[in-house]
Amino acid sequence: MSAANPHLQNVERAPYELGSLLRQLPSHFPVDRVMSSDERQMVTAAIKHAFNANYMLMGGIEAIGHLLFSAANNSEFPPSASVLEHLGGLIKHIAVEAQFLQEEQANLQSDLDTDERRAVTSPMRRKDGPKPSAESAGEA
């Protein structure tokens, strides 16, 4: 767990953590309010998990490709058709997951950027809630 962001946990299990965070976040953020500090931390953690998962998927796909290329050029290692079929299905599935991760990372980053612009002009500038008015602070 990150001391700075309690939602950035289990980085070695990024796809699972990303999905968990996405289930906790709203499907979209209303344009008329600023994210809470906790929501911003969750979105930031989700962006990092999406990046980490995608990085691992792409590295793994590259390694599998290298292995398959080496195997195809080795006359002592002829893979069977079913092995190649299963590897092809796995790579296709991984590519689809990577595409989803890239889209989620971009969508969450867009939400975070929009929220930051909204926060700059919001009377609720403080991330932990609205600033107390003079009346509610007892200064009236």
Protein backbone atom coordinates (compact mmCIF):
# COMPACT_ATOMS: atom_id res chain seq x y z
CA MET A 1 0.00 0.00 0.00
CA SER A 2 1.25 3.45 -0.82
CA ALA A 3 1.45 5.84 2.13
CA ALA A 4 0.53 8.72 -0.16
CA ASN A 5 -2.40 6.90 -1.76
CA PRO A 6 -4.18 4.17 0.22
CA HIS A 7 -5.92 2.94 -2.96
CA LEU A 8 -2.65 2.08 -4.70
CA GLN A 9 -2.23 -1.46 -3.38
CA ASN A 10 -1.00 -4.79 -4.74
CA VAL A 11 0.72 -3.28 -7.79
CA GLU A 12 1.71 -6.80 -8.87
CA ARG A 13 -2.03 -7.52 -9.33
CA ALA A 14 -2.81 -4.38 -11.33
CA PRO A 15 -5.66 -5.76 -13.49
CA TYR A 16 -7.55 -7.04 -10.43
CA GLU A 17 -6.99 -3.82 -8.47
CA LEU A 18 -8.08 -1.72 -11.47
CA GLY A 19 -11.32 -3.68 -11.74
CA SER A 20 -11.92 -3.37 -8.03
CA LEU A 21 -11.46 0.40 -8.13
CA LEU A 22 -13.69 0.74 -11.20
CA ARG A 23 -16.51 -1.05 -9.35
CA GLN A 24 -16.19 1.46 -6.49
CA LEU A 25 -16.08 4.59 -8.66
CA PRO A 26 -19.16 6.18 -10.24
CA SER A 27 -19.64 5.34 -13.93
CA HIS A 28 -19.15 9.05 -14.67
CA PHE A 29 -18.45 12.16 -12.67
CA PRO A 30 -21.10 14.90 -12.65
CA VAL A 31 -19.97 18.15 -14.23
CA ASP A 32 -21.45 20.22 -11.42
CA ARG A 33 -19.19 19.02 -8.60
CA VAL A 34 -15.55 18.47 -7.79
CA MET A 35 -14.26 15.01 -6.90
CA SER A 36 -13.58 14.35 -3.24
CA SER A 37 -10.00 13.71 -2.15
CA ASP A 38 -10.80 10.01 -1.83
CA GLU A 39 -12.28 9.86 -5.35
CA ARG A 40 -9.22 11.62 -6.77
CA GLN A 41 -6.95 9.12 -5.02
CA MET A 42 -9.02 6.23 -6.37
CA VAL A 43 -8.91 7.59 -9.93
CA THR A 44 -5.17 8.25 -9.66
CA ALA A 45 -4.59 4.69 -8.40
CA ALA A 46 -6.78 3.28 -11.20
CA ILE A 47 -4.74 5.20 -13.81
CA LYS A 48 -1.51 3.80 -12.38
CA HIS A 49 -2.92 0.26 -12.25
CA ALA A 50 -4.09 0.55 -15.89
CA PHE A 51 -0.63 1.71 -16.94
CA ASN A 52 1.15 -1.04 -14.97
CA ALA A 53 -1.13 -3.80 -16.25
CA ASN A 54 -0.81 -2.63 -19.84
CA TYR A 55 2.99 -2.43 -19.52
CA MET A 56 3.15 -6.02 -18.25
CA LEU A 57 0.77 -7.28 -20.94
CA MET A 58 2.75 -5.67 -23.73
CA GLY A 59 6.06 -7.00 -22.37
CA GLY A 60 4.56 -10.48 -22.06
CA ILE A 61 3.16 -10.40 -25.58
CA GLU A 62 6.56 -9.36 -26.90
CA ALA A 63 8.29 -12.17 -24.98
CA ILE A 64 5.79 -14.76 -26.27
CA GLY A 65 6.35 -13.49 -29.79
CA HIS A 66 10.12 -13.79 -29.37
CA LEU A 67 9.75 -17.32 -28.00
CA LEU A 68 7.45 -18.37 -30.85
CA PHE A 69 9.80 -16.88 -33.43
CA SER A 70 12.74 -18.77 -31.91
CA ALA A 71 10.74 -22.00 -31.72
CA ALA A 72 9.59 -21.71 -35.33
CA ASN A 73 13.22 -21.44 -36.45
CA ASN A 74 14.38 -24.43 -34.40
CA SER A 75 13.98 -27.69 -36.32
CA GLU A 76 14.16 -29.69 -33.08
CA PHE A 77 11.12 -27.96 -31.61
CA PRO A 78 8.15 -28.30 -33.96
CA PRO A 79 5.08 -27.09 -32.01
CA SER A 80 1.81 -28.90 -32.61
CA ALA A 81 -1.10 -27.12 -34.24
CA SER A 82 -3.16 -27.23 -31.03
CA VAL A 83 -0.35 -25.59 -29.03
CA LEU A 84 -0.13 -22.79 -31.57
CA GLU A 85 -3.93 -22.47 -31.59
CA HIS A 86 -4.01 -22.09 -27.80
CA LEU A 87 -1.15 -19.58 -27.83
CA GLY A 88 -2.90 -17.61 -30.57
CA GLY A 89 -6.11 -17.51 -28.52
CA LEU A 90 -4.21 -16.40 -25.43
CA ILE A 91 -2.42 -13.61 -27.30
CA LYS A 92 -5.70 -12.45 -28.86
CA HIS A 93 -7.34 -12.39 -25.42
CA ILE A 94 -4.41 -10.50 -23.89
CA ALA A 95 -4.55 -7.94 -26.69
CA VAL A 96 -8.26 -7.32 -26.05
CA GLU A 97 -7.55 -6.84 -22.32
CA ALA A 98 -4.71 -4.45 -23.14
CA GLN A 99 -7.02 -2.41 -25.36
CA PHE A 100 -9.55 -2.17 -22.52
CA LEU A 101 -6.81 -1.07 -20.11
CA GLN A 102 -5.61 1.63 -22.51
CA GLU A 103 -9.15 2.95 -22.93
CA GLU A 104 -9.84 2.93 -19.17
CA GLN A 105 -6.54 4.68 -18.48
CA ALA A 106 -7.37 7.39 -21.03
CA ASN A 107 -10.96 7.79 -19.78
CA LEU A 108 -9.90 8.06 -16.14
CA GLN A 109 -7.13 10.52 -16.99
CA SER A 110 -9.67 12.63 -18.87
CA ASP A 111 -12.01 12.57 -15.83
CA LEU A 112 -9.14 13.57 -13.55
CA ASP A 113 -8.00 16.40 -15.88
CA THR A 114 -11.57 17.70 -16.22
CA ASP A 115 -12.02 17.59 -12.46
CA GLU A 116 -8.80 19.53 -11.92
CA ARG A 117 -9.97 22.28 -14.30
CA ARG A 118 -13.37 22.29 -12.57
CA ALA A 119 -11.73 22.50 -9.13
CA VAL A 120 -9.77 25.61 -10.10
CA THR A 121 -12.97 27.57 -10.68
CA SER A 122 -15.11 25.92 -8.03
CA PRO A 123 -16.10 27.63 -4.77
CA MET A 124 -15.41 24.20 -3.27
CA ARG A 125 -11.70 24.56 -4.07
CA ARG A 126 -10.60 22.58 -1.03
CA LYS A 127 -10.58 18.87 -1.86
CA ASP A 128 -12.04 17.91 1.53
CA GLY A 129 -15.25 19.90 1.12
CA PRO A 130 -16.68 23.39 0.89
CA LYS A 131 -15.08 26.28 2.65
CA PRO A 132 -17.14 27.40 5.63
CA SER A 133 -19.01 30.66 5.13
CA ALA A 134 -18.60 33.56 7.54
CA GLU A 135 -22.05 32.83 9.00
CA SER A 136 -21.42 29.13 9.59
CA ALA A 137 -18.01 29.89 11.11
CA GLY A 138 -19.62 32.16 13.71
CA GLU A 139 -18.16 35.39 12.33
CA ALA A 140 -21.48 36.99 11.39
